[in-house]
C-alpha atoms as a PDB file:
ATOM      1  CA  MET A   1      50.635 -54.226 -61.695  1.00  0.00           C
ATOM      2  CA  PRO A   2      47.390 -52.812 -63.129  1.00  0.00           C
ATOM      3  CA  GLY A   3      44.437 -52.440 -60.840  1.00  0.00           C
ATOM      4  CA  ILE A   4      40.888 -51.261 -60.342  1.00  0.00           C
ATOM      5  CA  ILE A   5      39.012 -49.234 -57.746  1.00  0.00           C
ATOM      6  CA  VAL A   6      35.390 -50.326 -57.477  1.00  0.00           C
ATOM      7  CA  THR A   7      33.035 -47.711 -56.060  1.00  0.00           C
ATOM      8  CA  ASP A   8      29.786 -48.244 -54.132  1.00  0.00           C
ATOM      9  CA  PRO A   9      29.742 -52.044 -53.845  1.00  0.00           C
ATOM     10  CA  PRO A  10      26.705 -53.645 -52.176  1.00  0.00           C
ATOM     11  CA  ARG A  11      26.957 -53.853 -48.400  1.00  0.00           C
ATOM     12  CA  ALA A  12      25.251 -55.939 -45.753  1.00  0.00           C
ATOM     13  CA  GLU A  13      22.304 -54.241 -44.080  1.00  0.00           C
ATOM     14  CA  ALA A  14      23.370 -52.047 -41.168  1.00  0.00           C
ATOM     15  CA  GLU A  15      20.867 -53.673 -38.784  1.00  0.00           C
ATOM     16  CA  ASP A  16      22.327 -57.116 -39.525  1.00  0.00           C
ATOM     17  CA  VAL A  17      25.868 -55.834 -38.942  1.00  0.00           C
ATOM     18  CA  GLU A  18      24.823 -54.368 -35.602  1.00  0.00           C
ATOM     19  CA  ALA A  19      23.151 -57.634 -34.631  1.00  0.00           C
ATOM     20  CA  LEU A  20      26.357 -59.557 -35.392  1.00  0.00           C
ATOM     21  CA  ALA A  21      28.355 -57.047 -33.358  1.00  0.00           C
ATOM     22  CA  GLY A  22      26.758 -58.480 -30.256  1.00  0.00           C
ATOM     23  CA  TYR A  23      28.401 -61.885 -30.667  1.00  0.00           C
ATOM     24  CA  GLY A  24      31.940 -63.163 -30.355  1.00  0.00           C
ATOM     25  CA  VAL A  25      33.980 -64.485 -33.243  1.00  0.00           C
ATOM     26  CA  ALA A  26      33.791 -68.053 -31.938  1.00  0.00           C
ATOM     27  CA  THR A  27      29.995 -67.896 -31.740  1.00  0.00           C
ATOM     28  CA  VAL A  28      29.631 -66.489 -35.258  1.00  0.00           C
ATOM     29  CA  HIS A  29      32.095 -69.031 -36.638  1.00  0.00           C
ATOM     30  CA  GLU A  30      30.162 -71.908 -35.056  1.00  0.00           C
ATOM     31  CA  ALA A  31      26.825 -70.488 -36.222  1.00  0.00           C
ATOM     32  CA  MET A  32      28.104 -70.629 -39.820  1.00  0.00           C
ATOM     33  CA  GLY A  33      29.042 -74.288 -39.550  1.00  0.00           C
ATOM     34  CA  ARG A  34      32.606 -73.601 -38.387  1.00  0.00           C
ATOM     35  CA  THR A  35      33.534 -71.556 -41.447  1.00  0.00           C
ATOM     36  CA  GLY A  36      34.719 -68.018 -42.100  1.00  0.00           C
ATOM     37  CA  LEU A  37      37.783 -67.714 -39.865  1.00  0.00           C
ATOM     38  CA  LEU A  38      40.585 -65.700 -41.463  1.00  0.00           C
ATOM     39  CA  GLY A  39      43.327 -67.683 -39.731  1.00  0.00           C
ATOM     40  CA  HIS A  40      44.967 -67.904 -36.336  1.00  0.00           C
ATOM     41  CA  HIS A  41      47.811 -65.634 -37.458  1.00  0.00           C
ATOM     42  CA  LEU A  42      45.754 -62.439 -37.228  1.00  0.00           C
ATOM     43  CA  ARG A  43      46.275 -61.041 -33.728  1.00  0.00           C
ATOM     44  CA  PRO A  44      44.685 -57.989 -32.088  1.00  0.00           C
ATOM     45  CA  ASN A  45      46.686 -54.896 -31.245  1.00  0.00           C
ATOM     46  CA  GLN A  46      44.342 -54.268 -28.296  1.00  0.00           C
ATOM     47  CA  GLN A  47      42.444 -56.278 -25.712  1.00  0.00           C
ATOM     48  CA  ASP A  48      38.779 -56.570 -24.790  1.00  0.00           C
ATOM     49  CA  ALA A  49      37.545 -55.065 -28.052  1.00  0.00           C
ATOM     50  CA  ARG A  50      34.830 -56.486 -30.295  1.00  0.00           C
ATOM     51  CA  VAL A  51      33.834 -54.824 -33.545  1.00  0.00           C
ATOM     52  CA  ALA A  52      31.748 -55.624 -36.588  1.00  0.00           C
ATOM     53  CA  GLY A  53      31.564 -53.736 -39.848  1.00  0.00           C
ATOM     54  CA  THR A  54      31.344 -54.000 -43.611  1.00  0.00           C
ATOM     55  CA  ALA A  55      34.507 -54.791 -45.521  1.00  0.00           C
ATOM     56  CA  VAL A  56      36.334 -52.382 -47.787  1.00  0.00           C
ATOM     57  CA  THR A  57      38.999 -54.566 -49.367  1.00  0.00           C
ATOM     58  CA  VAL A  58      42.487 -53.691 -50.552  1.00  0.00           C
ATOM     59  CA  LEU A  59      44.895 -55.746 -52.663  1.00  0.00           C
ATOM     60  CA  SER A  60      48.356 -54.178 -52.514  1.00  0.00           C
ATOM     61  CA  TRP A  61      51.861 -54.879 -53.671  1.00  0.00           C
ATOM     62  CA  PRO A  62      54.034 -56.004 -50.727  1.00  0.00           C
ATOM     63  CA  GLY A  63      55.804 -53.098 -49.049  1.00  0.00           C
ATOM     64  CA  ASP A  64      53.607 -50.576 -50.869  1.00  0.00           C
ATOM     65  CA  ASN A  65      50.672 -48.789 -49.259  1.00  0.00           C
ATOM     66  CA  LEU A  66      49.520 -46.692 -52.224  1.00  0.00           C
ATOM     67  CA  MET A  67      46.223 -48.556 -52.472  1.00  0.00           C
ATOM     68  CA  ILE A  68      45.431 -47.995 -48.800  1.00  0.00           C
ATOM     69  CA  HIS A  69      45.521 -44.270 -49.591  1.00  0.00           C
ATOM     70  CA  ALA A  70      43.132 -44.938 -52.470  1.00  0.00           C
ATOM     71  CA  ALA A  71      40.882 -47.032 -50.240  1.00  0.00           C
ATOM     72  CA  VAL A  72      40.398 -44.283 -47.647  1.00  0.00           C
ATOM     73  CA  GLU A  73      38.225 -42.416 -50.140  1.00  0.00           C
ATOM     74  CA  GLN A  74      35.978 -45.470 -50.496  1.00  0.00           C
ATOM     75  CA  CYS A  75      35.489 -45.929 -46.742  1.00  0.00           C
ATOM     76  CA  GLY A  76      32.526 -44.703 -44.749  1.00  0.00           C
ATOM     77  CA  GLU A  77      30.668 -45.037 -41.475  1.00  0.00           C
ATOM     78  CA  GLY A  78      30.639 -48.588 -40.168  1.00  0.00           C
ATOM     79  CA  ASP A  79      33.293 -50.017 -42.487  1.00  0.00           C
ATOM     80  CA  ILE A  80      36.329 -52.130 -41.640  1.00  0.00           C
ATOM     81  CA  LEU A  81      39.373 -51.938 -43.899  1.00  0.00           C
ATOM     82  CA  VAL A  82      40.658 -55.364 -44.999  1.00  0.00           C
ATOM     83  CA  VAL A  83      44.147 -55.338 -46.530  1.00  0.00           C
ATOM     84  CA  THR A  84      46.203 -58.102 -48.075  1.00  0.00           C
ATOM     85  CA  THR A  85      49.165 -58.240 -50.446  1.00  0.00           C
ATOM     86  CA  THR A  86      49.922 -60.103 -53.651  1.00  0.00           C
ATOM     87  CA  SER A  87      52.660 -62.072 -51.882  1.00  0.00           C
ATOM     88  CA  PRO A  88      53.538 -62.455 -48.194  1.00  0.00           C
ATOM     89  CA  SER A  89      54.648 -59.254 -46.470  1.00  0.00           C
ATOM     90  CA  THR A  90      55.270 -58.220 -42.867  1.00  0.00           C
ATOM     91  CA  ASP A  91      56.089 -54.572 -43.559  1.00  0.00           C
ATOM     92  CA  GLY A  92      54.348 -51.939 -41.436  1.00  0.00           C
ATOM     93  CA  MET A  93      51.917 -50.737 -44.070  1.00  0.00           C
ATOM     94  CA  PHE A  94      49.471 -49.067 -41.692  1.00  0.00           C
ATOM     95  CA  GLY A  95      49.897 -46.695 -38.771  1.00  0.00           C
ATOM     96  CA  GLU A  96      48.599 -43.688 -36.854  1.00  0.00           C
ATOM     97  CA  LEU A  97      48.166 -41.323 -39.790  1.00  0.00           C
ATOM     98  CA  PHE A  98      46.011 -43.767 -41.733  1.00  0.00           C
ATOM     99  CA  ALA A  99      44.019 -44.468 -38.570  1.00  0.00           C
ATOM    100  CA  THR A 100      43.411 -40.747 -38.069  1.00  0.00           C
ATOM    101  CA  ALA A 101      42.000 -40.398 -41.591  1.00  0.00           C
ATOM    102  CA  LEU A 102      39.852 -43.519 -41.256  1.00  0.00           C
ATOM    103  CA  LYS A 103      38.529 -42.690 -37.806  1.00  0.00           C
ATOM    104  CA  ARG A 104      37.371 -39.335 -39.159  1.00  0.00           C
ATOM    105  CA  ARG A 105      35.293 -41.258 -41.731  1.00  0.00           C
ATOM    106  CA  GLY A 106      33.709 -43.554 -39.154  1.00  0.00           C
ATOM    107  CA  VAL A 107      35.777 -46.643 -39.943  1.00  0.00           C
ATOM    108  CA  ARG A 108      35.779 -49.164 -37.086  1.00  0.00           C
ATOM    109  CA  GLY A 109      39.143 -50.831 -37.599  1.00  0.00           C
ATOM    110  CA  ILE A 110      41.584 -52.585 -39.885  1.00  0.00           C
ATOM    111  CA  VAL A 111      42.322 -56.235 -40.578  1.00  0.00           C
ATOM    112  CA  THR A 112      45.521 -56.885 -42.492  1.00  0.00           C
ATOM    113  CA  ASN A 113      47.439 -59.926 -43.615  1.00  0.00           C
ATOM    114  CA  ALA A 114      50.578 -57.748 -43.507  1.00  0.00           C
ATOM    115  CA  GLY A 115      52.043 -55.538 -40.773  1.00  0.00           C
ATOM    116  CA  ILE A 116      51.072 -52.490 -38.741  1.00  0.00           C
ATOM    117  CA  ARG A 117      53.113 -49.999 -36.723  1.00  0.00           C
ATOM    118  CA  ASP A 118      52.489 -47.116 -34.291  1.00  0.00           C
ATOM    119  CA  THR A 119      50.805 -49.698 -32.107  1.00  0.00           C
ATOM    120  CA  ALA A 120      50.816 -47.631 -28.921  1.00  0.00           C
ATOM    121  CA  GLU A 121      49.326 -44.670 -30.747  1.00  0.00           C
ATOM    122  CA  LEU A 122      46.598 -46.860 -32.260  1.00  0.00           C
ATOM    123  CA  ARG A 123      45.649 -48.125 -28.815  1.00  0.00           C
ATOM    124  CA  ALA A 124      45.677 -44.608 -27.358  1.00  0.00           C
ATOM    125  CA  MET A 125      43.324 -43.301 -30.041  1.00  0.00           C
ATOM    126  CA  GLY A 126      41.034 -46.319 -29.776  1.00  0.00           C
ATOM    127  CA  PHE A 127      41.501 -47.461 -33.355  1.00  0.00           C
ATOM    128  CA  HIS A 128      41.318 -51.259 -33.449  1.00  0.00           C
ATOM    129  CA  ALA A 129      43.664 -53.351 -35.567  1.00  0.00           C
ATOM    130  CA  TRP A 130      44.207 -57.030 -36.289  1.00  0.00           C
ATOM    131  CA  SER A 131      47.368 -57.923 -38.184  1.00  0.00           C
ATOM    132  CA  ALA A 132      49.703 -60.737 -39.106  1.00  0.00           C
ATOM    133  CA  ALA A 133      52.746 -58.755 -37.964  1.00  0.00           C
ATOM    134  CA  VAL A 134      53.977 -55.665 -36.164  1.00  0.00           C
ATOM    135  CA  SER A 135      56.892 -53.954 -37.877  1.00  0.00           C
ATOM    136  CA  ALA A 136      58.440 -50.490 -38.030  1.00  0.00           C
ATOM    137  CA  GLN A 137      59.577 -51.260 -41.581  1.00  0.00           C
ATOM    138  CA  GLY A 138      58.421 -48.463 -43.867  1.00  0.00           C
ATOM    139  CA  THR A 139      56.765 -48.730 -47.268  1.00  0.00           C
ATOM    140  CA  VAL A 140      56.622 -46.935 -50.598  1.00  0.00           C
ATOM    141  CA  LYS A 141      53.742 -45.626 -52.700  1.00  0.00           C
ATOM    142  CA  ALA A 142      54.678 -46.743 -56.176  1.00  0.00           C
ATOM    143  CA  THR A 143      52.664 -49.703 -57.445  1.00  0.00           C
ATOM    144  CA  GLY A 144      49.057 -50.048 -58.534  1.00  0.00           C
ATOM    145  CA  GLY A 145      46.633 -52.463 -56.941  1.00  0.00           C
ATOM    146  CA  SER A 146      42.915 -52.809 -56.379  1.00  0.00           C
ATOM    147  CA  VAL A 147      40.209 -51.646 -53.990  1.00  0.00           C
ATOM    148  CA  ASN A 148      36.862 -53.343 -53.385  1.00  0.00           C
ATOM    149  CA  VAL A 149      37.657 -56.587 -55.143  1.00  0.00           C
ATOM    150  CA  PRO A 150      37.444 -60.065 -53.558  1.00  0.00           C
ATOM    151  CA  VAL A 151      40.571 -60.925 -51.553  1.00  0.00           C
ATOM    152  CA  VAL A 152      41.657 -64.109 -49.825  1.00  0.00           C
ATOM    153  CA  ILE A 153      43.011 -64.272 -46.253  1.00  0.00           C
ATOM    154  CA  GLY A 154      43.565 -67.536 -44.445  1.00  0.00           C
ATOM    155  CA  GLY A 155      41.877 -69.443 -47.252  1.00  0.00           C
ATOM    156  CA  GLU A 156      38.640 -67.453 -46.896  1.00  0.00           C
ATOM    157  CA  THR A 157      37.326 -65.041 -49.519  1.00  0.00           C
ATOM    158  CA  VAL A 158      36.369 -61.579 -48.319  1.00  0.00           C
ATOM    159  CA  ARG A 159      34.229 -59.531 -50.691  1.00  0.00           C
ATOM    160  CA  PRO A 160      33.525 -55.827 -50.378  1.00  0.00           C
ATOM    161  CA  GLY A 161      30.404 -55.375 -48.282  1.00  0.00           C
ATOM    162  CA  ASP A 162      30.736 -58.671 -46.420  1.00  0.00           C
ATOM    163  CA  VAL A 163      30.575 -58.467 -42.631  1.00  0.00           C
ATOM    164  CA  ILE A 164      33.773 -58.645 -40.616  1.00  0.00           C
ATOM    165  CA  VAL A 165      33.525 -59.565 -36.925  1.00  0.00           C
ATOM    166  CA  ALA A 166      36.718 -59.322 -34.864  1.00  0.00           C
ATOM    167  CA  ASP A 167      37.639 -59.715 -31.202  1.00  0.00           C
ATOM    168  CA  ASP A 168      40.409 -61.104 -28.992  1.00  0.00           C
ATOM    169  CA  ASP A 169      39.916 -64.582 -30.527  1.00  0.00           C
ATOM    170  CA  GLY A 170      40.507 -63.515 -34.131  1.00  0.00           C
ATOM    171  CA  VAL A 171      38.547 -62.460 -37.207  1.00  0.00           C
ATOM    172  CA  VAL A 172      35.632 -64.035 -39.068  1.00  0.00           C
ATOM    173  CA  VAL A 173      33.953 -63.033 -42.341  1.00  0.00           C
ATOM    174  CA  VAL A 174      30.213 -63.415 -42.873  1.00  0.00           C
ATOM    175  CA  PRO A 175      29.024 -63.263 -46.501  1.00  0.00           C
ATOM    176  CA  ARG A 176      26.653 -60.326 -46.781  1.00  0.00           C
ATOM    177  CA  GLU A 177      23.817 -62.576 -48.016  1.00  0.00           C
ATOM    178  CA  ARG A 178      24.124 -64.681 -44.853  1.00  0.00           C
ATOM    179  CA  ALA A 179      24.367 -61.866 -42.330  1.00  0.00           C
ATOM    180  CA  ARG A 180      20.774 -62.057 -41.078  1.00  0.00           C
ATOM    181  CA  GLU A 181      20.602 -65.836 -40.788  1.00  0.00           C
ATOM    182  CA  THR A 182      24.003 -65.904 -39.101  1.00  0.00           C
ATOM    183  CA  ALA A 183      22.890 -63.342 -36.534  1.00  0.00           C
ATOM    184  CA  ALA A 184      19.829 -65.481 -35.797  1.00  0.00           C
ATOM    185  CA  GLY A 185      21.989 -68.603 -35.554  1.00  0.00           C
ATOM    186  CA  SER A 186      24.376 -66.821 -33.202  1.00  0.00           C
ATOM    187  CA  ARG A 187      21.463 -65.828 -30.958  1.00  0.00           C
ATOM    188  CA  ALA A 188      20.247 -69.421 -30.842  1.00  0.00           C
ATOM    189  CA  ARG A 189      23.726 -70.654 -30.039  1.00  0.00           C
ATOM    190  CA  GLU A 190      24.148 -68.171 -27.192  1.00  0.00           C
ATOM    191  CA  ASP A 191      20.776 -69.203 -25.729  1.00  0.00           C
ATOM    192  CA  LYS A 192      21.846 -72.850 -25.846  1.00  0.00           C
ATOM    193  CA  GLU A 193      25.189 -72.048 -24.231  1.00  0.00           C
ATOM    194  CA  ALA A 194      23.455 -70.095 -21.470  1.00  0.00           C
ATOM    195  CA  ALA A 195      21.402 -73.162 -20.587  1.00  0.00           C
ATOM    196  CA  THR A 196      24.517 -75.344 -20.622  1.00  0.00           C
ATOM    197  CA  ARG A 197      26.407 -72.842 -18.483  1.00  0.00           C
ATOM    198  CA  ALA A 198      23.616 -72.948 -15.913  1.00  0.00           C
ATOM    199  CA  ALA A 199      23.716 -76.756 -15.911  1.00  0.00           C
ATOM    200  CA  PHE A 200      27.488 -76.802 -15.406  1.00  0.00           C
ATOM    201  CA  ASP A 201      27.148 -74.243 -12.637  1.00  0.00           C
ATOM    202  CA  GLU A 202      24.796 -76.695 -10.903  1.00  0.00           C
ATOM    203  CA  GLY A 203      27.458 -79.372 -11.096  1.00  0.00           C
ATOM    204  CA  LYS A 204      26.254 -81.359 -14.101  1.00  0.00           C
ATOM    205  CA  LEU A 205      28.876 -82.970 -16.339  1.00  0.00           C
ATOM    206  CA  GLY A 206      29.404 -82.498 -20.050  1.00  0.00           C
ATOM    207  CA  LEU A 207      29.483 -86.289 -20.355  1.00  0.00           C
ATOM    208  CA  ASP A 208      25.827 -86.369 -19.343  1.00  0.00           C
ATOM    209  CA  ARG A 209      24.691 -83.024 -20.787  1.00  0.00           C
ATOM    210  CA  TYR A 210      25.932 -83.969 -24.243  1.00  0.00           C
ATOM    211  CA  GLY A 211      25.177 -87.692 -24.053  1.00  0.00           C
ATOM    212  CA  LEU A 212      28.863 -88.527 -24.380  1.00  0.00           C
ATOM    213  CA  ARG A 213      28.857 -91.663 -22.243  1.00  0.00           C
ATOM    214  CA  ASP A 214      27.267 -93.554 -25.136  1.00  0.00           C
ATOM    215  CA  THR A 215      29.906 -92.099 -27.455  1.00  0.00           C
ATOM    216  CA  LEU A 216      32.675 -93.399 -25.196  1.00  0.00           C
ATOM    217  CA  ARG A 217      31.082 -96.850 -25.125  1.00  0.00           C
ATOM    218  CA  GLN A 218      30.698 -96.912 -28.903  1.00  0.00           C
ATOM    219  CA  LEU A 219      34.371 -96.040 -29.243  1.00  0.00           C
ATOM    220  CA  GLY A 220      35.335 -98.873 -26.950  1.00  0.00           C
ATOM    221  CA  VAL A 221      36.511 -96.667 -24.084  1.00  0.00           C
ATOM    222  CA  VAL A 222      36.153 -98.545 -20.780  1.00  0.00           C
ATOM    223  CA  TYR A 223      36.385 -97.631 -17.099  1.00  0.00           C
ATOM    224  CA  ARG A 224      38.783 -99.570 -14.862  1.00  0.00           C
ATOM    225  CA  THR A 225      39.803 -99.033 -11.258  1.00  0.00           C
ATOM    226  CA  PHE A 226      43.465 -98.300 -10.597  1.00  0.00           C
ATOM    227  CA  GLU A 227      43.946-101.821  -9.247  1.00  0.00           C
ATOM    228  CA  GLU A 228      42.237-103.390 -12.267  1.00  0.00           C
ATOM    229  CA  HIS A 229      44.393-101.261 -14.603  1.00  0.00           C
ATOM    230  CA  THR A 230      47.761-101.884 -12.913  1.00  0.00           C
ATOM    231  CA  GLY A 231      47.196-105.233 -11.308  1.00  0.00           C
ATOM    232  CA  ALA A 232      48.208-103.730  -7.985  1.00  0.00           C
ATOM    233  CA  GLY A 233      47.497-105.952  -5.008  1.00  0.00           C
ATOM    234  CA  SER A 234      47.414-109.151  -7.037  1.00  0.00           C
END
């Protein structure tokens, strides 16, 4: 398998990445028109963590982590490593030693469509990981692949330099050209939700807040008392 290592790809502006770091994955996903999620199969190795960073992408052969070693050199402050394989794999391609090298370079975490291991050690050192599997299965370093090329996870394309936002709910990718507008949209959405939260806290109903009673009527949904519905007492 031939490959390529692309150096110095364009990255989203750091200020836009930091702005997106203030919002949850669900908020960012909604702000982009419900797009960008990398799939429900990516689960966090830790709890109560939220990170955002620029993607360094890796395309590897299954069961082979050679290209992760190559990718470490391309990683820098504020990046998130995004790893997938040419065909499905659950092998533990990433663990404590990789995390040690990446943490030293300022990398904020890893997202992988394959497996991780050393999960307790990763939590202890505060290195955040989202993966499709956890497996002690080891790997080799024998087959070429690519670094900093577009990859696909969960039907979504991740390009080097795009923004990755990850938390307990999953992972979302924001195209680098849309980072600023998405941050603004996320802010607007949070402001709207704050107003709705206050209304609900006062006892108002979503049926009225969102104008859903008309929707129910238009759909032919009717209200009936229990006696009307069952004919009880007739």
